[in-house]
Amino acid sequence: MTEIIERPVVPAAPNVGPSPARRKLCIVTVAACAPYLTLKVLWILGIGLGVNGSTFLDDTRPANIATAFMDLCAAGLAVLFVHPVGRRIPALLVGLPTWVATGLLTPLCGGLVLGLPAQLLSGGDAFRDDGGLNAWVFVVVYSGFLVQAGLLIPAFALYARDRWPALFAARQAAIGTAGPHRTRRILEGGFVVGATVFAAQHMYDAIAGGGLYLDPTTTQRVAQLTFALLAMVGVAAYTQFWRGRPQSRKLLAAAWIGSGVVFAESLSLVTDLVVAGPDDDPIYGPGAALLCVLSLLCALGGAIAGMLRLEATTSRLP
């Protein structure tokens, strides 16, 4: 007679909603986007609130449309981090814009936090009025960016922990290595080269002046150094990956931030070049513009390598 053994049924984990901390982070993030979006909408409509230059509104309208869209995306991400739809849409639709936002906000936050005290010690103005804007505009805009950087990224971390609990719950040994992959190694090596050139360019601009700031203030010099430092953090992480070293959450986070910084800054500079036109762009000549495009492509390749690495890693987790 065959004995039937009934196994206990383990109930699935309930799909609980976002934690109160994540809700608060996202609500404040959306509120922090409002002043910047308001200014951008007014400028797009031709209302020069905070503007001194007579041609500023016409000259910057395409850029204002692009940056308003980007900040609107940041507010949309904050909503997705707490809305049930955010758990159902493809991970790429959440991860890609969050990666770009991380690359935009992290160096801005670091540059201001470190640069403003240095500016106070060295004297002078943190931001020279090169764009025909009142001083209070810079205070409003960059204060909003600091809040977004300080809240949006932690909110994404809480969202990711809830959506992909296996990756966060796994022991360090379970993460291990992602295994050999020829394409991934090529992309990781390309990122290391491109990000190193990116860091060297920003280091030169910080010391000698150039690029966005021909005569940079102390705050702007520190900001350029922050870009270089974060890019080299990504280089260090991808170098470890390329050499086949065991990966860790810290290395994955460093790769995420470093590649995001290189991609977002390169994308911003390339967009500026496209909007201004190759003959009118005041920032870079043809050679430096080509370097921006190459850095952009290398960072994109690094992101693809990161996705391949995460896919290989998560497929082995329980």
C-alpha atoms as a PDB file:
ATOM      1  CA  MET A   1       0.000   0.000   0.000  1.00  0.00           C
ATOM      2  CA  THR A   2       1.409   3.303  -1.069  1.00  0.00           C
ATOM      3  CA  GLU A   3       1.614   5.926   1.604  1.00  0.00           C
ATOM      4  CA  ILE A   4       0.704   9.395   0.458  1.00  0.00           C
ATOM      5  CA  ILE A   5       2.673  12.128   2.162  1.00  0.00           C
ATOM      6  CA  GLU A   6       1.130  15.565   2.037  1.00  0.00           C
ATOM      7  CA  ARG A   7       3.603  18.393   1.954  1.00  0.00           C
ATOM      8  CA  PRO A   8       2.659  21.586   3.713  1.00  0.00           C
ATOM      9  CA  VAL A   9       1.729  24.394   1.398  1.00  0.00           C
ATOM     10  CA  VAL A  10       3.828  27.480   1.948  1.00  0.00           C
ATOM     11  CA  PRO A  11       1.698  30.558   1.331  1.00  0.00           C
ATOM     12  CA  ALA A  12       3.089  33.116  -1.052  1.00  0.00           C
ATOM     13  CA  ALA A  13       4.362  36.319   0.436  1.00  0.00           C
ATOM     14  CA  PRO A  14       1.640  38.941   0.426  1.00  0.00           C
ATOM     15  CA  ASN A  15       2.032  41.723  -2.064  1.00  0.00           C
ATOM     16  CA  VAL A  16       2.194  44.476   0.508  1.00  0.00           C
ATOM     17  CA  GLY A  17       2.238  48.081  -0.507  1.00  0.00           C
ATOM     18  CA  PRO A  18       5.172  50.459  -0.217  1.00  0.00           C
ATOM     19  CA  SER A  19       6.473  51.268   3.218  1.00  0.00           C
ATOM     20  CA  PRO A  20       5.603  54.620   4.846  1.00  0.00           C
ATOM     21  CA  ALA A  21       9.239  55.680   4.469  1.00  0.00           C
ATOM     22  CA  ARG A  22       9.154  55.090   0.714  1.00  0.00           C
ATOM     23  CA  ARG A  23       5.855  56.962   0.412  1.00  0.00           C
ATOM     24  CA  LYS A  24       7.269  59.975   2.232  1.00  0.00           C
ATOM     25  CA  LEU A  25      10.455  59.955   0.164  1.00  0.00           C
ATOM     26  CA  CYS A  26       8.490  59.905  -3.086  1.00  0.00           C
ATOM     27  CA  ILE A  27       5.972  62.565  -2.029  1.00  0.00           C
ATOM     28  CA  VAL A  28       8.738  64.990  -1.074  1.00  0.00           C
ATOM     29  CA  THR A  29      10.613  64.170  -4.295  1.00  0.00           C
ATOM     30  CA  VAL A  30       7.590  65.084  -6.417  1.00  0.00           C
ATOM     31  CA  ALA A  31       7.188  68.302  -4.426  1.00  0.00           C
ATOM     32  CA  ALA A  32      10.884  69.116  -4.977  1.00  0.00           C
ATOM     33  CA  CYS A  33      10.375  68.841  -8.743  1.00  0.00           C
ATOM     34  CA  ALA A  34       7.580  71.432  -8.753  1.00  0.00           C
ATOM     35  CA  PRO A  35       9.634  74.694  -8.542  1.00  0.00           C
ATOM     36  CA  TYR A  36      11.992  73.670 -11.354  1.00  0.00           C
ATOM     37  CA  LEU A  37       9.149  72.481 -13.570  1.00  0.00           C
ATOM     38  CA  THR A  38       7.247  75.707 -12.909  1.00  0.00           C
ATOM     39  CA  LEU A  39      10.189  77.828 -13.999  1.00  0.00           C
ATOM     40  CA  LYS A  40      10.743  75.740 -17.111  1.00  0.00           C
ATOM     41  CA  VAL A  41       7.080  75.897 -18.158  1.00  0.00           C
ATOM     42  CA  LEU A  42       7.054  79.670 -17.679  1.00  0.00           C
ATOM     43  CA  TRP A  43      10.219  80.074 -19.746  1.00  0.00           C
ATOM     44  CA  ILE A  44       8.883  77.822 -22.500  1.00  0.00           C
ATOM     45  CA  LEU A  45       5.748  79.978 -22.616  1.00  0.00           C
ATOM     46  CA  GLY A  46       7.870  83.129 -22.890  1.00  0.00           C
ATOM     47  CA  ILE A  47       7.398  84.385 -19.327  1.00  0.00           C
ATOM     48  CA  GLY A  48      10.792  85.548 -18.114  1.00  0.00           C
ATOM     49  CA  LEU A  49      10.505  85.022 -14.365  1.00  0.00           C
ATOM     50  CA  GLY A  50      14.002  85.376 -12.924  1.00  0.00           C
ATOM     51  CA  VAL A  51      15.504  86.161 -16.339  1.00  0.00           C
ATOM     52  CA  ASN A  52      17.700  89.182 -17.073  1.00  0.00           C
ATOM     53  CA  GLY A  53      18.950  88.441 -20.589  1.00  0.00           C
ATOM     54  CA  SER A  54      16.784  89.689 -23.449  1.00  0.00           C
ATOM     55  CA  THR A  55      17.475  86.685 -25.685  1.00  0.00           C
ATOM     56  CA  PHE A  56      17.629  84.009 -22.999  1.00  0.00           C
ATOM     57  CA  LEU A  57      14.104  82.644 -23.524  1.00  0.00           C
ATOM     58  CA  ASP A  58      14.453  82.242 -27.289  1.00  0.00           C
ATOM     59  CA  ASP A  59      17.983  80.860 -27.139  1.00  0.00           C
ATOM     60  CA  THR A  60      17.228  78.245 -24.496  1.00  0.00           C
ATOM     61  CA  ARG A  61      13.686  77.128 -25.411  1.00  0.00           C
ATOM     62  CA  PRO A  62      14.758  73.741 -26.917  1.00  0.00           C
ATOM     63  CA  ALA A  63      16.993  73.055 -23.912  1.00  0.00           C
ATOM     64  CA  ASN A  64      14.210  74.102 -21.535  1.00  0.00           C
ATOM     65  CA  ILE A  65      11.802  71.666 -23.177  1.00  0.00           C
ATOM     66  CA  ALA A  66      14.334  68.839 -22.867  1.00  0.00           C
ATOM     67  CA  THR A  67      15.228  69.552 -19.230  1.00  0.00           C
ATOM     68  CA  ALA A  68      11.573  70.026 -18.243  1.00  0.00           C
ATOM     69  CA  PHE A  69      10.827  66.604 -19.726  1.00  0.00           C
ATOM     70  CA  MET A  70      13.712  65.086 -17.765  1.00  0.00           C
ATOM     71  CA  ASP A  71      12.505  66.550 -14.466  1.00  0.00           C
ATOM     72  CA  LEU A  72       8.975  65.409 -15.261  1.00  0.00           C
ATOM     73  CA  CYS A  73      10.399  61.907 -15.712  1.00  0.00           C
ATOM     74  CA  ALA A  74      11.996  62.169 -12.268  1.00  0.00           C
ATOM     75  CA  ALA A  75       8.608  63.012 -10.762  1.00  0.00           C
ATOM     76  CA  GLY A  76       7.040  60.147 -12.719  1.00  0.00           C
ATOM     77  CA  LEU A  77       9.639  57.730 -11.353  1.00  0.00           C
ATOM     78  CA  ALA A  78       8.812  58.782  -7.816  1.00  0.00           C
ATOM     79  CA  VAL A  79       5.158  57.999  -8.498  1.00  0.00           C
ATOM     80  CA  LEU A  80       6.015  54.595 -10.001  1.00  0.00           C
ATOM     81  CA  PHE A  81       8.048  53.694  -6.917  1.00  0.00           C
ATOM     82  CA  VAL A  82       4.856  53.716  -4.829  1.00  0.00           C
ATOM     83  CA  HIS A  83       2.119  52.927  -7.374  1.00  0.00           C
ATOM     84  CA  PRO A  84       1.137  49.272  -8.017  1.00  0.00           C
ATOM     85  CA  VAL A  85       1.855  49.760 -11.731  1.00  0.00           C
ATOM     86  CA  GLY A  86       5.519  50.214 -10.836  1.00  0.00           C
ATOM     87  CA  ARG A  87       5.781  46.533  -9.859  1.00  0.00           C
ATOM     88  CA  ARG A  88       4.244  45.296 -13.108  1.00  0.00           C
ATOM     89  CA  ILE A  89       5.914  47.298 -15.849  1.00  0.00           C
ATOM     90  CA  PRO A  90       9.144  45.914 -17.389  1.00  0.00           C
ATOM     91  CA  ALA A  91      12.203  46.473 -15.248  1.00  0.00           C
ATOM     92  CA  LEU A  92      13.992  48.273 -18.088  1.00  0.00           C
ATOM     93  CA  LEU A  93      11.358  51.034 -18.154  1.00  0.00           C
ATOM     94  CA  VAL A  94      12.108  51.754 -14.508  1.00  0.00           C
ATOM     95  CA  GLY A  95      15.799  50.955 -14.350  1.00  0.00           C
ATOM     96  CA  LEU A  96      16.965  52.935 -17.397  1.00  0.00           C
ATOM     97  CA  PRO A  97      15.549  56.352 -16.418  1.00  0.00           C
ATOM     98  CA  THR A  98      16.572  55.772 -12.797  1.00  0.00           C
ATOM     99  CA  TRP A  99      20.107  54.979 -13.951  1.00  0.00           C
ATOM    100  CA  VAL A 100      20.214  58.216 -15.963  1.00  0.00           C
ATOM    101  CA  ALA A 101      18.740  60.171 -13.039  1.00  0.00           C
ATOM    102  CA  THR A 102      21.402  58.719 -10.761  1.00  0.00           C
ATOM    103  CA  GLY A 103      24.069  59.848 -13.207  1.00  0.00           C
ATOM    104  CA  LEU A 104      22.638  63.367 -13.332  1.00  0.00           C
ATOM    105  CA  LEU A 105      21.878  63.922  -9.656  1.00  0.00           C
ATOM    106  CA  THR A 106      24.765  62.181  -7.870  1.00  0.00           C
ATOM    107  CA  PRO A 107      27.626  64.394  -9.162  1.00  0.00           C
ATOM    108  CA  LEU A 108      25.446  67.479  -8.833  1.00  0.00           C
ATOM    109  CA  CYS A 109      24.749  66.662  -5.205  1.00  0.00           C
ATOM    110  CA  GLY A 110      28.359  65.800  -4.453  1.00  0.00           C
ATOM    111  CA  GLY A 111      29.695  68.838  -6.279  1.00  0.00           C
ATOM    112  CA  LEU A 112      27.439  71.239  -4.385  1.00  0.00           C
ATOM    113  CA  VAL A 113      27.921  69.645  -0.971  1.00  0.00           C
ATOM    114  CA  LEU A 114      31.707  69.744  -1.357  1.00  0.00           C
ATOM    115  CA  GLY A 115      31.994  72.784  -3.605  1.00  0.00           C
ATOM    116  CA  LEU A 116      29.965  75.363  -1.683  1.00  0.00           C
ATOM    117  CA  PRO A 117      32.044  75.096   1.527  1.00  0.00           C
ATOM    118  CA  ALA A 118      35.205  75.301  -0.582  1.00  0.00           C
ATOM    119  CA  GLN A 119      33.775  78.402  -2.269  1.00  0.00           C
ATOM    120  CA  LEU A 120      33.129  80.017   1.109  1.00  0.00           C
ATOM    121  CA  LEU A 121      36.751  79.432   2.079  1.00  0.00           C
ATOM    122  CA  SER A 122      38.170  80.726  -1.212  1.00  0.00           C
ATOM    123  CA  GLY A 123      35.747  83.652  -1.581  1.00  0.00           C
ATOM    124  CA  GLY A 124      33.861  84.866  -4.642  1.00  0.00           C
ATOM    125  CA  ASP A 125      30.536  83.821  -6.137  1.00  0.00           C
ATOM    126  CA  ALA A 126      29.663  80.172  -6.550  1.00  0.00           C
ATOM    127  CA  PHE A 127      27.799  80.797  -9.823  1.00  0.00           C
ATOM    128  CA  ARG A 128      28.715  83.598 -12.191  1.00  0.00           C
ATOM    129  CA  ASP A 129      25.797  85.143 -14.038  1.00  0.00           C
ATOM    130  CA  ASP A 130      26.697  83.895 -17.496  1.00  0.00           C
ATOM    131  CA  GLY A 131      23.153  83.007 -18.538  1.00  0.00           C
ATOM    132  CA  GLY A 132      21.208  86.137 -17.659  1.00  0.00           C
ATOM    133  CA  LEU A 133      19.500  84.625 -14.584  1.00  0.00           C
ATOM    134  CA  ASN A 134      18.858  86.147 -11.180  1.00  0.00           C
ATOM    135  CA  ALA A 135      20.800  84.673  -8.290  1.00  0.00           C
ATOM    136  CA  TRP A 136      17.666  83.330  -6.584  1.00  0.00           C
ATOM    137  CA  VAL A 137      16.998  81.082  -9.591  1.00  0.00           C
ATOM    138  CA  PHE A 138      20.194  79.148  -8.922  1.00  0.00           C
ATOM    139  CA  VAL A 139      19.240  78.759  -5.245  1.00  0.00           C
ATOM    140  CA  VAL A 140      15.772  77.423  -6.114  1.00  0.00           C
ATOM    141  CA  VAL A 141      16.956  75.110  -8.888  1.00  0.00           C
ATOM    142  CA  TYR A 142      19.943  73.562  -7.139  1.00  0.00           C
ATOM    143  CA  SER A 143      18.132  73.233  -3.817  1.00  0.00           C
ATOM    144  CA  GLY A 144      15.493  71.190  -5.638  1.00  0.00           C
ATOM    145  CA  PHE A 145      18.168  69.044  -7.248  1.00  0.00           C
ATOM    146  CA  LEU A 146      19.776  68.369  -3.877  1.00  0.00           C
ATOM    147  CA  VAL A 147      16.460  67.205  -2.444  1.00  0.00           C
ATOM    148  CA  GLN A 148      15.794  65.011  -5.491  1.00  0.00           C
ATOM    149  CA  ALA A 149      19.239  63.435  -5.251  1.00  0.00           C
ATOM    150  CA  GLY A 150      18.890  62.814  -1.539  1.00  0.00           C
ATOM    151  CA  LEU A 151      15.446  61.206  -1.798  1.00  0.00           C
ATOM    152  CA  LEU A 152      14.901  59.685  -5.254  1.00  0.00           C
ATOM    153  CA  ILE A 153      17.897  57.344  -5.122  1.00  0.00           C
ATOM    154  CA  PRO A 154      17.065  55.936  -1.645  1.00  0.00           C
ATOM    155  CA  ALA A 155      13.441  55.556  -2.784  1.00  0.00           C
ATOM    156  CA  PHE A 156      14.617  53.466  -5.735  1.00  0.00           C
ATOM    157  CA  ALA A 157      16.731  51.324  -3.396  1.00  0.00           C
ATOM    158  CA  LEU A 158      13.643  50.579  -1.278  1.00  0.00           C
ATOM    159  CA  TYR A 159      11.604  49.900  -4.412  1.00  0.00           C
ATOM    160  CA  ALA A 160      14.260  47.528  -5.804  1.00  0.00           C
ATOM    161  CA  ARG A 161      14.496  45.663  -2.500  1.00  0.00           C
ATOM    162  CA  ASP A 162      10.747  45.013  -2.581  1.00  0.00           C
ATOM    163  CA  ARG A 163      10.589  44.092  -6.267  1.00  0.00           C
ATOM    164  CA  TRP A 164      13.701  41.881  -6.385  1.00  0.00           C
ATOM    165  CA  PRO A 165      14.005  40.522  -2.838  1.00  0.00           C
ATOM    166  CA  ALA A 166      16.122  37.513  -3.865  1.00  0.00           C
ATOM    167  CA  LEU A 167      19.031  39.720  -4.900  1.00  0.00           C
ATOM    168  CA  PHE A 168      18.998  41.608  -1.613  1.00  0.00           C
ATOM    169  CA  ALA A 169      18.306  38.580   0.589  1.00  0.00           C
ATOM    170  CA  ALA A 170      21.008  36.368  -0.953  1.00  0.00           C
ATOM    171  CA  ARG A 171      24.200  35.814   0.947  1.00  0.00           C
ATOM    172  CA  GLN A 172      27.326  37.421  -0.400  1.00  0.00           C
ATOM    173  CA  ALA A 173      28.690  34.032  -1.472  1.00  0.00           C
ATOM    174  CA  ALA A 174      25.526  33.361  -3.465  1.00  0.00           C
ATOM    175  CA  ILE A 175      26.131  36.454  -5.600  1.00  0.00           C
ATOM    176  CA  GLY A 176      29.594  35.221  -6.560  1.00  0.00           C
ATOM    177  CA  THR A 177      30.677  35.832 -10.146  1.00  0.00           C
ATOM    178  CA  ALA A 178      28.509  36.117 -13.211  1.00  0.00           C
ATOM    179  CA  GLY A 179      30.536  33.560 -15.147  1.00  0.00           C
ATOM    180  CA  PRO A 180      32.499  34.037 -18.393  1.00  0.00           C
ATOM    181  CA  HIS A 181      30.867  36.005 -21.184  1.00  0.00           C
ATOM    182  CA  ARG A 182      32.920  37.294 -24.118  1.00  0.00           C
ATOM    183  CA  THR A 183      30.573  40.096 -25.179  1.00  0.00           C
ATOM    184  CA  ARG A 184      30.236  41.344 -21.629  1.00  0.00           C
ATOM    185  CA  ARG A 185      34.003  41.453 -21.166  1.00  0.00           C
ATOM    186  CA  ILE A 186      34.430  43.474 -24.364  1.00  0.00           C
ATOM    187  CA  LEU A 187      31.776  45.969 -23.255  1.00  0.00           C
ATOM    188  CA  GLU A 188      33.278  46.241 -19.782  1.00  0.00           C
ATOM    189  CA  GLY A 189      36.728  46.853 -21.237  1.00  0.00           C
ATOM    190  CA  GLY A 190      35.311  49.505 -23.554  1.00  0.00           C
ATOM    191  CA  PHE A 191      33.692  51.270 -20.632  1.00  0.00           C
ATOM    192  CA  VAL A 192      36.960  51.294 -18.697  1.00  0.00           C
ATOM    193  CA  VAL A 193      38.730  53.006 -21.607  1.00  0.00           C
ATOM    194  CA  GLY A 194      35.930  55.499 -22.319  1.00  0.00           C
ATOM    195  CA  ALA A 195      35.353  56.408 -18.676  1.00  0.00           C
ATOM    196  CA  THR A 196      39.071  56.923 -18.097  1.00  0.00           C
ATOM    197  CA  VAL A 197      39.205  59.404 -20.986  1.00  0.00           C
ATOM    198  CA  PHE A 198      36.043  61.069 -19.626  1.00  0.00           C
ATOM    199  CA  ALA A 199      37.627  61.428 -16.176  1.00  0.00           C
ATOM    200  CA  ALA A 200      40.860  62.812 -17.626  1.00  0.00           C
ATOM    201  CA  GLN A 201      38.930  65.420 -19.631  1.00  0.00           C
ATOM    202  CA  HIS A 202      36.980  66.613 -16.596  1.00  0.00           C
ATOM    203  CA  MET A 203      40.108  66.616 -14.457  1.00  0.00           C
ATOM    204  CA  TYR A 204      41.802  68.857 -17.024  1.00  0.00           C
ATOM    205  CA  ASP A 205      38.764  71.168 -17.177  1.00  0.00           C
ATOM    206  CA  ALA A 206      38.771  71.449 -13.381  1.00  0.00           C
ATOM    207  CA  ILE A 207      42.445  72.394 -13.211  1.00  0.00           C
ATOM    208  CA  ALA A 208      43.035  74.411 -16.378  1.00  0.00           C
ATOM    209  CA  GLY A 209      39.499  75.535 -17.230  1.00  0.00           C
ATOM    210  CA  GLY A 210      37.579  74.608 -20.331  1.00  0.00           C
ATOM    211  CA  GLY A 211      34.498  72.762 -21.448  1.00  0.00           C
ATOM    212  CA  LEU A 212      31.431  74.207 -19.774  1.00  0.00           C
ATOM    213  CA  TYR A 213      33.463  76.677 -17.699  1.00  0.00           C
ATOM    214  CA  LEU A 214      36.230  78.634 -19.380  1.00  0.00           C
ATOM    215  CA  ASP A 215      36.896  80.486 -16.125  1.00  0.00           C
ATOM    216  CA  PRO A 216      35.407  78.189 -13.482  1.00  0.00           C
ATOM    217  CA  THR A 217      34.591  79.181  -9.917  1.00  0.00           C
ATOM    218  CA  THR A 218      35.764  77.021  -7.032  1.00  0.00           C
ATOM    219  CA  THR A 219      32.357  75.321  -6.868  1.00  0.00           C
ATOM    220  CA  GLN A 220      32.481  74.559 -10.591  1.00  0.00           C
ATOM    221  CA  ARG A 221      36.011  73.184 -10.301  1.00  0.00           C
ATOM    222  CA  VAL A 222      34.902  70.877  -7.499  1.00  0.00           C
ATOM    223  CA  ALA A 223      31.928  69.788  -9.608  1.00  0.00           C
ATOM    224  CA  GLN A 224      34.251  68.824 -12.468  1.00  0.00           C
ATOM    225  CA  LEU A 225      36.464  66.907 -10.051  1.00  0.00           C
ATOM    226  CA  THR A 226      33.368  65.115  -8.747  1.00  0.00           C
ATOM    227  CA  PHE A 227      32.504  63.960 -12.268  1.00  0.00           C
ATOM    228  CA  ALA A 228      36.053  62.635 -12.676  1.00  0.00           C
ATOM    229  CA  LEU A 229      36.047  60.897  -9.285  1.00  0.00           C
ATOM    230  CA  LEU A 230      32.702  59.159  -9.824  1.00  0.00           C
ATOM    231  CA  ALA A 231      33.757  58.036 -13.294  1.00  0.00           C
ATOM    232  CA  MET A 232      36.883  56.464 -11.796  1.00  0.00           C
ATOM    233  CA  VAL A 233      34.727  54.724  -9.181  1.00  0.00           C
ATOM    234  CA  GLY A 234      32.949  53.073 -12.099  1.00  0.00           C
ATOM    235  CA  VAL A 235      36.288  52.273 -13.742  1.00  0.00           C
ATOM    236  CA  ALA A 236      37.471  50.547 -10.564  1.00  0.00           C
ATOM    237  CA  ALA A 237      34.292  48.441 -10.368  1.00  0.00           C
ATOM    238  CA  TYR A 238      34.300  47.436 -14.040  1.00  0.00           C
ATOM    239  CA  THR A 239      38.007  46.605 -13.854  1.00  0.00           C
ATOM    240  CA  GLN A 240      37.260  44.156 -11.051  1.00  0.00           C
ATOM    241  CA  PHE A 241      34.451  42.633 -13.119  1.00  0.00           C
ATOM    242  CA  TRP A 242      36.637  42.390 -16.209  1.00  0.00           C
ATOM    243  CA  ARG A 243      39.326  40.551 -14.214  1.00  0.00           C
ATOM    244  CA  GLY A 244      36.751  38.006 -13.053  1.00  0.00           C
ATOM    245  CA  ARG A 245      36.815  39.001  -9.381  1.00  0.00           C
ATOM    246  CA  PRO A 246      33.812  38.043  -7.216  1.00  0.00           C
ATOM    247  CA  GLN A 247      31.168  40.712  -7.464  1.00  0.00           C
ATOM    248  CA  SER A 248      29.496  42.323  -4.495  1.00  0.00           C
ATOM    249  CA  ARG A 249      26.597  44.675  -3.928  1.00  0.00           C
ATOM    250  CA  LYS A 250      29.071  47.507  -3.350  1.00  0.00           C
ATOM    251  CA  LEU A 251      30.787  46.825  -6.672  1.00  0.00           C
ATOM    252  CA  LEU A 252      27.431  46.620  -8.458  1.00  0.00           C
ATOM    253  CA  ALA A 253      26.395  49.936  -6.895  1.00  0.00           C
ATOM    254  CA  ALA A 254      29.715  51.532  -7.892  1.00  0.00           C
ATOM    255  CA  ALA A 255      29.281  50.285 -11.468  1.00  0.00           C
ATOM    256  CA  TRP A 256      25.708  51.614 -11.527  1.00  0.00           C
ATOM    257  CA  ILE A 257      26.739  55.083 -10.342  1.00  0.00           C
ATOM    258  CA  GLY A 258      29.942  55.385 -12.365  1.00  0.00           C
ATOM    259  CA  SER A 259      28.447  54.295 -15.681  1.00  0.00           C
ATOM    260  CA  GLY A 260      25.362  56.449 -15.052  1.00  0.00           C
ATOM    261  CA  VAL A 261      27.507  59.536 -14.466  1.00  0.00           C
ATOM    262  CA  VAL A 262      29.527  59.037 -17.657  1.00  0.00           C
ATOM    263  CA  PHE A 263      26.397  58.363 -19.722  1.00  0.00           C
ATOM    264  CA  ALA A 264      24.274  61.207 -18.338  1.00  0.00           C
ATOM    265  CA  GLU A 265      26.982  63.870 -18.572  1.00  0.00           C
ATOM    266  CA  SER A 266      28.021  62.759 -22.069  1.00  0.00           C
ATOM    267  CA  LEU A 267      24.379  62.703 -23.162  1.00  0.00           C
ATOM    268  CA  SER A 268      23.901  66.218 -21.790  1.00  0.00           C
ATOM    269  CA  LEU A 269      26.916  67.538 -23.685  1.00  0.00           C
ATOM    270  CA  VAL A 270      25.984  65.762 -26.915  1.00  0.00           C
ATOM    271  CA  THR A 271      22.417  67.106 -26.641  1.00  0.00           C
ATOM    272  CA  ASP A 272      23.789  70.603 -26.190  1.00  0.00           C
ATOM    273  CA  LEU A 273      25.920  70.138 -29.292  1.00  0.00           C
ATOM    274  CA  VAL A 274      22.934  68.935 -31.335  1.00  0.00           C
ATOM    275  CA  VAL A 275      20.680  71.764 -30.145  1.00  0.00           C
ATOM    276  CA  ALA A 276      23.290  74.492 -30.707  1.00  0.00           C
ATOM    277  CA  GLY A 277      24.626  73.024 -33.933  1.00  0.00           C
ATOM    278  CA  PRO A 278      28.228  71.999 -34.611  1.00  0.00           C
ATOM    279  CA  ASP A 279      29.178  75.480 -35.829  1.00  0.00           C
ATOM    280  CA  ASP A 280      27.576  77.454 -32.987  1.00  0.00           C
ATOM    281  CA  ASP A 281      28.379  75.275 -30.002  1.00  0.00           C
ATOM    282  CA  PRO A 282      30.538  77.312 -27.584  1.00  0.00           C
ATOM    283  CA  ILE A 283      31.571  74.400 -25.378  1.00  0.00           C
ATOM    284  CA  TYR A 284      33.626  71.927 -27.359  1.00  0.00           C
ATOM    285  CA  GLY A 285      35.400  71.736 -30.656  1.00  0.00           C
ATOM    286  CA  PRO A 286      35.010  68.793 -33.042  1.00  0.00           C
ATOM    287  CA  GLY A 287      37.668  66.687 -31.317  1.00  0.00           C
ATOM    288  CA  ALA A 288      36.217  67.032 -27.824  1.00  0.00           C
ATOM    289  CA  ALA A 289      32.700  66.548 -29.183  1.00  0.00           C
ATOM    290  CA  LEU A 290      33.834  63.241 -30.697  1.00  0.00           C
ATOM    291  CA  LEU A 291      35.195  62.225 -27.292  1.00  0.00           C
ATOM    292  CA  CYS A 292      31.785  62.983 -25.774  1.00  0.00           C
ATOM    293  CA  VAL A 293      30.087  60.706 -28.306  1.00  0.00           C
ATOM    294  CA  LEU A 294      32.603  57.922 -27.676  1.00  0.00           C
ATOM    295  CA  SER A 295      32.151  58.282 -23.904  1.00  0.00           C
ATOM    296  CA  LEU A 296      28.399  58.090 -24.393  1.00  0.00           C
ATOM    297  CA  LEU A 297      28.687  54.875 -26.414  1.00  0.00           C
ATOM    298  CA  CYS A 298      31.157  53.327 -23.963  1.00  0.00           C
ATOM    299  CA  ALA A 299      28.848  54.109 -21.032  1.00  0.00           C
ATOM    300  CA  LEU A 300      25.915  52.602 -22.903  1.00  0.00           C
ATOM    301  CA  GLY A 301      27.993  49.501 -23.514  1.00  0.00           C
ATOM    302  CA  GLY A 302      28.836  49.411 -19.822  1.00  0.00           C
ATOM    303  CA  ALA A 303      25.122  49.533 -19.000  1.00  0.00           C
ATOM    304  CA  ILE A 304      24.431  46.624 -21.352  1.00  0.00           C
ATOM    305  CA  ALA A 305      27.265  44.678 -19.707  1.00  0.00           C
ATOM    306  CA  GLY A 306      25.725  45.451 -16.332  1.00  0.00           C
ATOM    307  CA  MET A 307      22.340  44.127 -17.448  1.00  0.00           C
ATOM    308  CA  LEU A 308      23.959  40.944 -18.763  1.00  0.00           C
ATOM    309  CA  ARG A 309      25.772  40.561 -15.458  1.00  0.00           C
ATOM    310  CA  LEU A 310      22.615  41.054 -13.389  1.00  0.00           C
ATOM    311  CA  GLU A 311      20.695  38.629 -15.601  1.00  0.00           C
ATOM    312  CA  ALA A 312      23.390  35.964 -15.146  1.00  0.00           C
ATOM    313  CA  THR A 313      23.505  36.622 -11.407  1.00  0.00           C
ATOM    314  CA  THR A 314      19.757  36.628 -10.689  1.00  0.00           C
ATOM    315  CA  SER A 315      19.214  33.476 -12.769  1.00  0.00           C
ATOM    316  CA  ARG A 316      21.284  31.533 -10.233  1.00  0.00           C
ATOM    317  CA  LEU A 317      19.512  32.890  -7.172  1.00  0.00           C
ATOM    318  CA  PRO A 318      16.664  30.957  -5.544  1.00  0.00           C
END
